[in-house]
Amino acid sequence: MVSIRMREDVVEDLKRVAPLLGFSGYQPLMRAYIGQGLRADLARLEQRADLTRLVESLRRQGISEEVLATAIAEAQSAYEM
């Protein structure tokens, strides 16, 4: 069991929103929010790891740093969208 401190107004907002989203209470809603955020962050981190492995492979194959830098900038701007 874990306890976290949270501002009262946030808890009140969670209590108000939870039933509107079909949750039995604010705690299941908090768990859902945490789970969604965690999965999204893990996916982003995996994408970065995949990009890093790809860039290293391209370097070994002789692709220029200029081309790599351009490709990385394009890929990162796509992640931000």
PDB file of N, CA and C in Angstrom:
ATOM      1  N   MET A   1       0.843  -1.176   0.000  1.00  0.00           N
ATOM      2  CA  MET A   1       0.000   0.000   0.000  1.00  0.00           C
ATOM      3  C   MET A   1       0.890   1.243   0.000  1.00  0.00           C
ATOM      4  N   VAL A   2       0.513   2.229  -0.786  1.00  0.00           N
ATOM      5  CA  VAL A   2       1.284   3.461  -0.903  1.00  0.00           C
ATOM      6  C   VAL A   2       0.359   4.636  -0.608  1.00  0.00           C
ATOM      7  N   SER A   3       0.876   5.598   0.116  1.00  0.00           N
ATOM      8  CA  SER A   3       0.130   6.828   0.374  1.00  0.00           C
ATOM      9  C   SER A   3       0.831   7.974  -0.331  1.00  0.00           C
ATOM     10  N   ILE A   4       0.053   8.875  -0.886  1.00  0.00           N
ATOM     11  CA  ILE A   4       0.635  10.075  -1.500  1.00  0.00           C
ATOM     12  C   ILE A   4      -0.123  11.297  -1.000  1.00  0.00           C
ATOM     13  N   ARG A   5       0.602  12.374  -0.890  1.00  0.00           N
ATOM     14  CA  ARG A   5      -0.018  13.645  -0.493  1.00  0.00           C
ATOM     15  C   ARG A   5      -0.458  14.368  -1.760  1.00  0.00           C
ATOM     16  N   MET A   6      -1.655  14.918  -1.698  1.00  0.00           N
ATOM     17  CA  MET A   6      -2.193  15.603  -2.857  1.00  0.00           C
ATOM     18  C   MET A   6      -3.039  16.771  -2.354  1.00  0.00           C
ATOM     19  N   ARG A   7      -3.006  17.847  -3.102  1.00  0.00           N
ATOM     20  CA  ARG A   7      -3.798  19.015  -2.695  1.00  0.00           C
ATOM     21  C   ARG A   7      -5.272  18.647  -2.636  1.00  0.00           C
ATOM     22  N   GLU A   8      -5.970  19.215  -1.681  1.00  0.00           N
ATOM     23  CA  GLU A   8      -7.390  18.912  -1.489  1.00  0.00           C
ATOM     24  C   GLU A   8      -8.236  19.245  -2.706  1.00  0.00           C
ATOM     25  N   ASP A   9      -7.921  20.356  -3.378  1.00  0.00           N
ATOM     26  CA  ASP A   9      -8.723  20.730  -4.546  1.00  0.00           C
ATOM     27  C   ASP A   9      -8.569  19.708  -5.672  1.00  0.00           C
ATOM     28  N   VAL A  10      -7.396  19.087  -5.781  1.00  0.00           N
ATOM     29  CA  VAL A  10      -7.189  18.058  -6.800  1.00  0.00           C
ATOM     30  C   VAL A  10      -8.030  16.827  -6.462  1.00  0.00           C
ATOM     31  N   VAL A  11      -8.015  16.447  -5.196  1.00  0.00           N
ATOM     32  CA  VAL A  11      -8.820  15.295  -4.774  1.00  0.00           C
ATOM     33  C   VAL A  11     -10.307  15.571  -5.010  1.00  0.00           C
ATOM     34  N   GLU A  12     -10.751  16.773  -4.709  1.00  0.00           N
ATOM     35  CA  GLU A  12     -12.161  17.123  -4.928  1.00  0.00           C
ATOM     36  C   GLU A  12     -12.505  17.060  -6.416  1.00  0.00           C
ATOM     37  N   ASP A  13     -11.598  17.531  -7.271  1.00  0.00           N
ATOM     38  CA  ASP A  13     -11.827  17.441  -8.714  1.00  0.00           C
ATOM     39  C   ASP A  13     -11.889  15.994  -9.169  1.00  0.00           C
ATOM     40  N   LEU A  14     -10.995  15.154  -8.637  1.00  0.00           N
ATOM     41  CA  LEU A  14     -11.019  13.731  -8.978  1.00  0.00           C
ATOM     42  C   LEU A  14     -12.344  13.097  -8.553  1.00  0.00           C
ATOM     43  N   LYS A  15     -12.816  13.443  -7.367  1.00  0.00           N
ATOM     44  CA  LYS A  15     -14.091  12.903  -6.872  1.00  0.00           C
ATOM     45  C   LYS A  15     -15.255  13.330  -7.762  1.00  0.00           C
ATOM     46  N   ARG A  16     -15.168  14.548  -8.281  1.00  0.00           N
ATOM     47  CA  ARG A  16     -16.237  15.060  -9.146  1.00  0.00           C
ATOM     48  C   ARG A  16     -16.210  14.392 -10.524  1.00  0.00           C
ATOM     49  N   VAL A  17     -15.011  14.173 -11.057  1.00  0.00           N
ATOM     50  CA  VAL A  17     -14.860  13.644 -12.405  1.00  0.00           C
ATOM     51  C   VAL A  17     -15.039  12.124 -12.465  1.00  0.00           C
ATOM     52  N   ALA A  18     -14.631  11.427 -11.424  1.00  0.00           N
ATOM     53  CA  ALA A  18     -14.637   9.958 -11.437  1.00  0.00           C
ATOM     54  C   ALA A  18     -15.976   9.358 -11.869  1.00  0.00           C
ATOM     55  N   PRO A  19     -17.093   9.718 -11.267  1.00  0.00           N
ATOM     56  CA  PRO A  19     -18.346   9.090 -11.694  1.00  0.00           C
ATOM     57  C   PRO A  19     -18.755   9.466 -13.122  1.00  0.00           C
ATOM     58  N   LEU A  20     -18.355  10.639 -13.559  1.00  0.00           N
ATOM     59  CA  LEU A  20     -18.679  11.063 -14.919  1.00  0.00           C
ATOM     60  C   LEU A  20     -17.937  10.223 -15.957  1.00  0.00           C
ATOM     61  N   LEU A  21     -16.793   9.653 -15.552  1.00  0.00           N
ATOM     62  CA  LEU A  21     -16.004   8.804 -16.443  1.00  0.00           C
ATOM     63  C   LEU A  21     -16.261   7.321 -16.198  1.00  0.00           C
ATOM     64  N   GLY A  22     -17.217   7.033 -15.322  1.00  0.00           N
ATOM     65  CA  GLY A  22     -17.591   5.647 -15.079  1.00  0.00           C
ATOM     66  C   GLY A  22     -16.779   4.929 -14.018  1.00  0.00           C
ATOM     67  N   PHE A  23     -16.047   5.671 -13.198  1.00  0.00           N
ATOM     68  CA  PHE A  23     -15.263   5.064 -12.128  1.00  0.00           C
ATOM     69  C   PHE A  23     -16.064   5.051 -10.838  1.00  0.00           C
ATOM     70  N   SER A  24     -15.815   4.044 -10.004  1.00  0.00           N
ATOM     71  CA  SER A  24     -16.555   3.893  -8.752  1.00  0.00           C
ATOM     72  C   SER A  24     -16.101   4.885  -7.689  1.00  0.00           C
ATOM     73  N   GLY A  25     -14.947   5.476  -7.872  1.00  0.00           N
ATOM     74  CA  GLY A  25     -14.426   6.458  -6.927  1.00  0.00           C
ATOM     75  C   GLY A  25     -13.191   7.124  -7.495  1.00  0.00           C
ATOM     76  N   TYR A  26     -12.647   8.040  -6.699  1.00  0.00           N
ATOM     77  CA  TYR A  26     -11.496   8.802  -7.199  1.00  0.00           C
ATOM     78  C   TYR A  26     -10.210   7.981  -7.213  1.00  0.00           C
ATOM     79  N   GLN A  27     -10.076   7.002  -6.326  1.00  0.00           N
ATOM     80  CA  GLN A  27      -8.849   6.210  -6.295  1.00  0.00           C
ATOM     81  C   GLN A  27      -8.672   5.350  -7.548  1.00  0.00           C
ATOM     82  N   PRO A  28      -9.721   4.659  -8.025  1.00  0.00           N
ATOM     83  CA  PRO A  28      -9.556   3.942  -9.298  1.00  0.00           C
ATOM     84  C   PRO A  28      -9.225   4.881 -10.457  1.00  0.00           C
ATOM     85  N   LEU A  29      -9.788   6.078 -10.433  1.00  0.00           N
ATOM     86  CA  LEU A  29      -9.466   7.059 -11.476  1.00  0.00           C
ATOM     87  C   LEU A  29      -7.997   7.460 -11.395  1.00  0.00           C
ATOM     88  N   MET A  30      -7.487   7.686 -10.184  1.00  0.00           N
ATOM     89  CA  MET A  30      -6.070   8.023 -10.018  1.00  0.00           C
ATOM     90  C   MET A  30      -5.188   6.893 -10.539  1.00  0.00           C
ATOM     91  N   ARG A  31      -5.542   5.648 -10.231  1.00  0.00           N
ATOM     92  CA  ARG A  31      -4.760   4.507 -10.715  1.00  0.00           C
ATOM     93  C   ARG A  31      -4.777   4.462 -12.244  1.00  0.00           C
ATOM     94  N   ALA A  32      -5.929   4.759 -12.832  1.00  0.00           N
ATOM     95  CA  ALA A  32      -6.028   4.768 -14.296  1.00  0.00           C
ATOM     96  C   ALA A  32      -5.146   5.869 -14.884  1.00  0.00           C
ATOM     97  N   TYR A  33      -5.196   7.068 -14.295  1.00  0.00           N
ATOM     98  CA  TYR A  33      -4.357   8.166 -14.781  1.00  0.00           C
ATOM     99  C   TYR A  33      -2.879   7.811 -14.673  1.00  0.00           C
ATOM    100  N   ILE A  34      -2.462   7.247 -13.555  1.00  0.00           N
ATOM    101  CA  ILE A  34      -1.061   6.881 -13.359  1.00  0.00           C
ATOM    102  C   ILE A  34      -0.657   5.808 -14.365  1.00  0.00           C
ATOM    103  N   GLY A  35      -1.504   4.808 -14.552  1.00  0.00           N
ATOM    104  CA  GLY A  35      -1.204   3.737 -15.504  1.00  0.00           C
ATOM    105  C   GLY A  35      -1.077   4.257 -16.927  1.00  0.00           C
ATOM    106  N   GLN A  36      -1.992   5.155 -17.329  1.00  0.00           N
ATOM    107  CA  GLN A  36      -1.933   5.720 -18.679  1.00  0.00           C
ATOM    108  C   GLN A  36      -0.658   6.529 -18.880  1.00  0.00           C
ATOM    109  N   GLY A  37      -0.320   7.345 -17.898  1.00  0.00           N
ATOM    110  CA  GLY A  37       0.885   8.161 -17.997  1.00  0.00           C
ATOM    111  C   GLY A  37       2.140   7.310 -18.044  1.00  0.00           C
ATOM    112  N   LEU A  38       2.175   6.273 -17.224  1.00  0.00           N
ATOM    113  CA  LEU A  38       3.321   5.379 -17.201  1.00  0.00           C
ATOM    114  C   LEU A  38       3.484   4.665 -18.538  1.00  0.00           C
ATOM    115  N   ARG A  39       2.387   4.133 -19.083  1.00  0.00           N
ATOM    116  CA  ARG A  39       2.471   3.447 -20.382  1.00  0.00           C
ATOM    117  C   ARG A  39       2.929   4.394 -21.479  1.00  0.00           C
ATOM    118  N   ALA A  40       2.440   5.624 -21.474  1.00  0.00           N
ATOM    119  CA  ALA A  40       2.847   6.600 -22.489  1.00  0.00           C
ATOM    120  C   ALA A  40       4.342   6.913 -22.370  1.00  0.00           C
ATOM    121  N   ASP A  41       4.823   7.108 -21.135  1.00  0.00           N
ATOM    122  CA  ASP A  41       6.247   7.390 -20.941  1.00  0.00           C
ATOM    123  C   ASP A  41       7.110   6.208 -21.344  1.00  0.00           C
ATOM    124  N   LEU A  42       6.694   4.994 -20.993  1.00  0.00           N
ATOM    125  CA  LEU A  42       7.455   3.811 -21.387  1.00  0.00           C
ATOM    126  C   LEU A  42       7.528   3.677 -22.906  1.00  0.00           C
ATOM    127  N   ALA A  43       6.431   3.959 -23.589  1.00  0.00           N
ATOM    128  CA  ALA A  43       6.421   3.887 -25.056  1.00  0.00           C
ATOM    129  C   ALA A  43       7.377   4.926 -25.648  1.00  0.00           C
ATOM    130  N   ARG A  44       7.356   6.153 -25.103  1.00  0.00           N
ATOM    131  CA  ARG A  44       8.270   7.197 -25.589  1.00  0.00           C
ATOM    132  C   ARG A  44       9.724   6.808 -25.359  1.00  0.00           C
ATOM    133  N   LEU A  45      10.012   6.246 -24.188  1.00  0.00           N
ATOM    134  CA  LEU A  45      11.388   5.839 -23.898  1.00  0.00           C
ATOM    135  C   LEU A  45      11.833   4.718 -24.824  1.00  0.00           C
ATOM    136  N   GLU A  46      10.948   3.794 -25.135  1.00  0.00           N
ATOM    137  CA  GLU A  46      11.293   2.706 -26.046  1.00  0.00           C
ATOM    138  C   GLU A  46      11.537   3.252 -27.451  1.00  0.00           C
ATOM    139  N   GLN A  47      10.741   4.228 -27.871  1.00  0.00           N
ATOM    140  CA  GLN A  47      10.953   4.839 -29.181  1.00  0.00           C
ATOM    141  C   GLN A  47      12.321   5.504 -29.239  1.00  0.00           C
ATOM    142  N   ARG A  48      12.702   6.168 -28.159  1.00  0.00           N
ATOM    143  CA  ARG A  48      14.023   6.811 -28.124  1.00  0.00           C
ATOM    144  C   ARG A  48      15.128   5.762 -28.200  1.00  0.00           C
ATOM    145  N   ALA A  49      14.947   4.658 -27.488  1.00  0.00           N
ATOM    146  CA  ALA A  49      15.948   3.591 -27.524  1.00  0.00           C
ATOM    147  C   ALA A  49      16.052   3.014 -28.931  1.00  0.00           C
ATOM    148  N   ASP A  50      14.900   2.820 -29.577  1.00  0.00           N
ATOM    149  CA  ASP A  50      14.906   2.323 -30.960  1.00  0.00           C
ATOM    150  C   ASP A  50      15.629   3.306 -31.876  1.00  0.00           C
ATOM    151  N   LEU A  51      15.373   4.586 -31.700  1.00  0.00           N
ATOM    152  CA  LEU A  51      16.021   5.613 -32.514  1.00  0.00           C
ATOM    153  C   LEU A  51      17.528   5.608 -32.287  1.00  0.00           C
ATOM    154  N   THR A  52      17.941   5.473 -31.052  1.00  0.00           N
ATOM    155  CA  THR A  52      19.371   5.435 -30.728  1.00  0.00           C
ATOM    156  C   THR A  52      20.045   4.240 -31.398  1.00  0.00           C
ATOM    157  N   ARG A  53      19.411   3.074 -31.324  1.00  0.00           N
ATOM    158  CA  ARG A  53      19.984   1.882 -31.967  1.00  0.00           C
ATOM    159  C   ARG A  53      20.074   2.066 -33.480  1.00  0.00           C
ATOM    160  N   LEU A  54      19.054   2.665 -34.078  1.00  0.00           N
ATOM    161  CA  LEU A  54      19.062   2.905 -35.513  1.00  0.00           C
ATOM    162  C   LEU A  54      20.185   3.862 -35.900  1.00  0.00           C
ATOM    163  N   VAL A  55      20.326   4.946 -35.155  1.00  0.00           N
ATOM    164  CA  VAL A  55      21.373   5.929 -35.454  1.00  0.00           C
ATOM    165  C   VAL A  55      22.755   5.287 -35.347  1.00  0.00           C
ATOM    166  N   GLU A  56      22.969   4.495 -34.309  1.00  0.00           N
ATOM    167  CA  GLU A  56      24.270   3.833 -34.161  1.00  0.00           C
ATOM    168  C   GLU A  56      24.542   2.883 -35.333  1.00  0.00           C
ATOM    169  N   SER A  57      23.531   2.181 -35.778  1.00  0.00           N
ATOM    170  CA  SER A  57      23.682   1.294 -36.925  1.00  0.00           C
ATOM    171  C   SER A  57      24.020   2.091 -38.180  1.00  0.00           C
ATOM    172  N   LEU A  58      23.347   3.200 -38.385  1.00  0.00           N
ATOM    173  CA  LEU A  58      23.614   4.031 -39.562  1.00  0.00           C
ATOM    174  C   LEU A  58      25.019   4.621 -39.514  1.00  0.00           C
ATOM    175  N   ARG A  59      25.480   5.004 -38.323  1.00  0.00           N
ATOM    176  CA  ARG A  59      26.858   5.506 -38.184  1.00  0.00           C
ATOM    177  C   ARG A  59      27.858   4.433 -38.602  1.00  0.00           C
ATOM    178  N   ARG A  60      27.632   3.210 -38.130  1.00  0.00           N
ATOM    179  CA  ARG A  60      28.545   2.118 -38.485  1.00  0.00           C
ATOM    180  C   ARG A  60      28.562   1.870 -39.991  1.00  0.00           C
ATOM    181  N   GLN A  61      27.466   2.202 -40.660  1.00  0.00           N
ATOM    182  CA  GLN A  61      27.374   1.998 -42.105  1.00  0.00           C
ATOM    183  C   GLN A  61      27.877   3.197 -42.893  1.00  0.00           C
ATOM    184  N   GLY A  62      28.370   4.222 -42.170  1.00  0.00           N
ATOM    185  CA  GLY A  62      29.013   5.342 -42.832  1.00  0.00           C
ATOM    186  C   GLY A  62      28.121   6.519 -43.183  1.00  0.00           C
ATOM    187  N   ILE A  63      26.918   6.570 -42.669  1.00  0.00           N
ATOM    188  CA  ILE A  63      26.045   7.728 -42.930  1.00  0.00           C
ATOM    189  C   ILE A  63      26.636   8.940 -42.220  1.00  0.00           C
ATOM    190  N   SER A  64      26.663  10.064 -42.906  1.00  0.00           N
ATOM    191  CA  SER A  64      27.309  11.259 -42.364  1.00  0.00           C
ATOM    192  C   SER A  64      26.553  11.811 -41.157  1.00  0.00           C
ATOM    193  N   GLU A  65      27.309  12.480 -40.285  1.00  0.00           N
ATOM    194  CA  GLU A  65      26.718  13.091 -39.085  1.00  0.00           C
ATOM    195  C   GLU A  65      25.695  14.162 -39.460  1.00  0.00           C
ATOM    196  N   GLU A  66      25.937  14.859 -40.558  1.00  0.00           N
ATOM    197  CA  GLU A  66      25.000  15.898 -41.003  1.00  0.00           C
ATOM    198  C   GLU A  66      23.650  15.286 -41.357  1.00  0.00           C
ATOM    199  N   VAL A  67      23.662  14.211 -42.107  1.00  0.00           N
ATOM    200  CA  VAL A  67      22.423  13.526 -42.488  1.00  0.00           C
ATOM    201  C   VAL A  67      21.735  12.968 -41.242  1.00  0.00           C
ATOM    202  N   LEU A  68      22.518  12.382 -40.348  1.00  0.00           N
ATOM    203  CA  LEU A  68      21.954  11.838 -39.115  1.00  0.00           C
ATOM    204  C   LEU A  68      21.308  12.927 -38.268  1.00  0.00           C
ATOM    205  N   ALA A  69      21.978  14.064 -38.137  1.00  0.00           N
ATOM    206  CA  ALA A  69      21.447  15.171 -37.341  1.00  0.00           C
ATOM    207  C   ALA A  69      20.121  15.661 -37.902  1.00  0.00           C
ATOM    208  N   THR A  70      20.028  15.770 -39.209  1.00  0.00           N
ATOM    209  CA  THR A  70      18.793  16.200 -39.851  1.00  0.00           C
ATOM    210  C   THR A  70      17.676  15.188 -39.598  1.00  0.00           C
ATOM    211  N   ALA A  71      17.993  13.915 -39.755  1.00  0.00           N
ATOM    212  CA  ALA A  71      16.998  12.860 -39.548  1.00  0.00           C
ATOM    213  C   ALA A  71      16.537  12.813 -38.098  1.00  0.00           C
ATOM    214  N   ILE A  72      17.464  12.972 -37.162  1.00  0.00           N
ATOM    215  CA  ILE A  72      17.110  12.962 -35.744  1.00  0.00           C
ATOM    216  C   ILE A  72      16.192  14.130 -35.424  1.00  0.00           C
ATOM    217  N   ALA A  73      16.509  15.314 -35.937  1.00  0.00           N
ATOM    218  CA  ALA A  73      15.669  16.491 -35.688  1.00  0.00           C
ATOM    219  C   ALA A  73      14.260  16.278 -36.230  1.00  0.00           C
ATOM    220  N   GLU A  74      14.159  15.681 -37.411  1.00  0.00           N
ATOM    221  CA  GLU A  74      12.838  15.408 -37.989  1.00  0.00           C
ATOM    222  C   GLU A  74      12.077  14.394 -37.127  1.00  0.00           C
ATOM    223  N   ALA A  75      12.761  13.362 -36.701  1.00  0.00           N
ATOM    224  CA  ALA A  75      12.107  12.334 -35.884  1.00  0.00           C
ATOM    225  C   ALA A  75      11.644  12.899 -34.552  1.00  0.00           C
ATOM    226  N   GLN A  76      12.475  13.723 -33.916  1.00  0.00           N
ATOM    227  CA  GLN A  76      12.096  14.294 -32.630  1.00  0.00           C
ATOM    228  C   GLN A  76      10.916  15.244 -32.767  1.00  0.00           C
ATOM    229  N   SER A  77      10.849  15.998 -33.838  1.00  0.00           N
ATOM    230  CA  SER A  77       9.701  16.903 -34.026  1.00  0.00           C
ATOM    231  C   SER A  77       8.426  16.090 -34.256  1.00  0.00           C
ATOM    232  N   ALA A  78       8.536  14.933 -34.857  1.00  0.00           N
ATOM    233  CA  ALA A  78       7.362  14.076 -35.046  1.00  0.00           C
ATOM    234  C   ALA A  78       6.877  13.531 -33.715  1.00  0.00           C
ATOM    235  N   TYR A  79       7.798  13.218 -32.781  1.00  0.00           N
ATOM    236  CA  TYR A  79       7.412  12.712 -31.456  1.00  0.00           C
ATOM    237  C   TYR A  79       6.676  13.780 -30.651  1.00  0.00           C
ATOM    238  N   GLU A  80       7.017  15.032 -30.885  1.00  0.00           N
ATOM    239  CA  GLU A  80       6.430  16.132 -30.119  1.00  0.00           C
ATOM    240  C   GLU A  80       5.009  16.442 -30.544  1.00  0.00           C
ATOM    241  N   MET A  81       4.604  15.995 -31.706  1.00  0.00           N
ATOM    242  CA  MET A  81       3.267  16.298 -32.222  1.00  0.00           C
ATOM    243  C   MET A  81       2.217  15.486 -31.532  1.00  0.00           C
TER     244      MET A  81
END
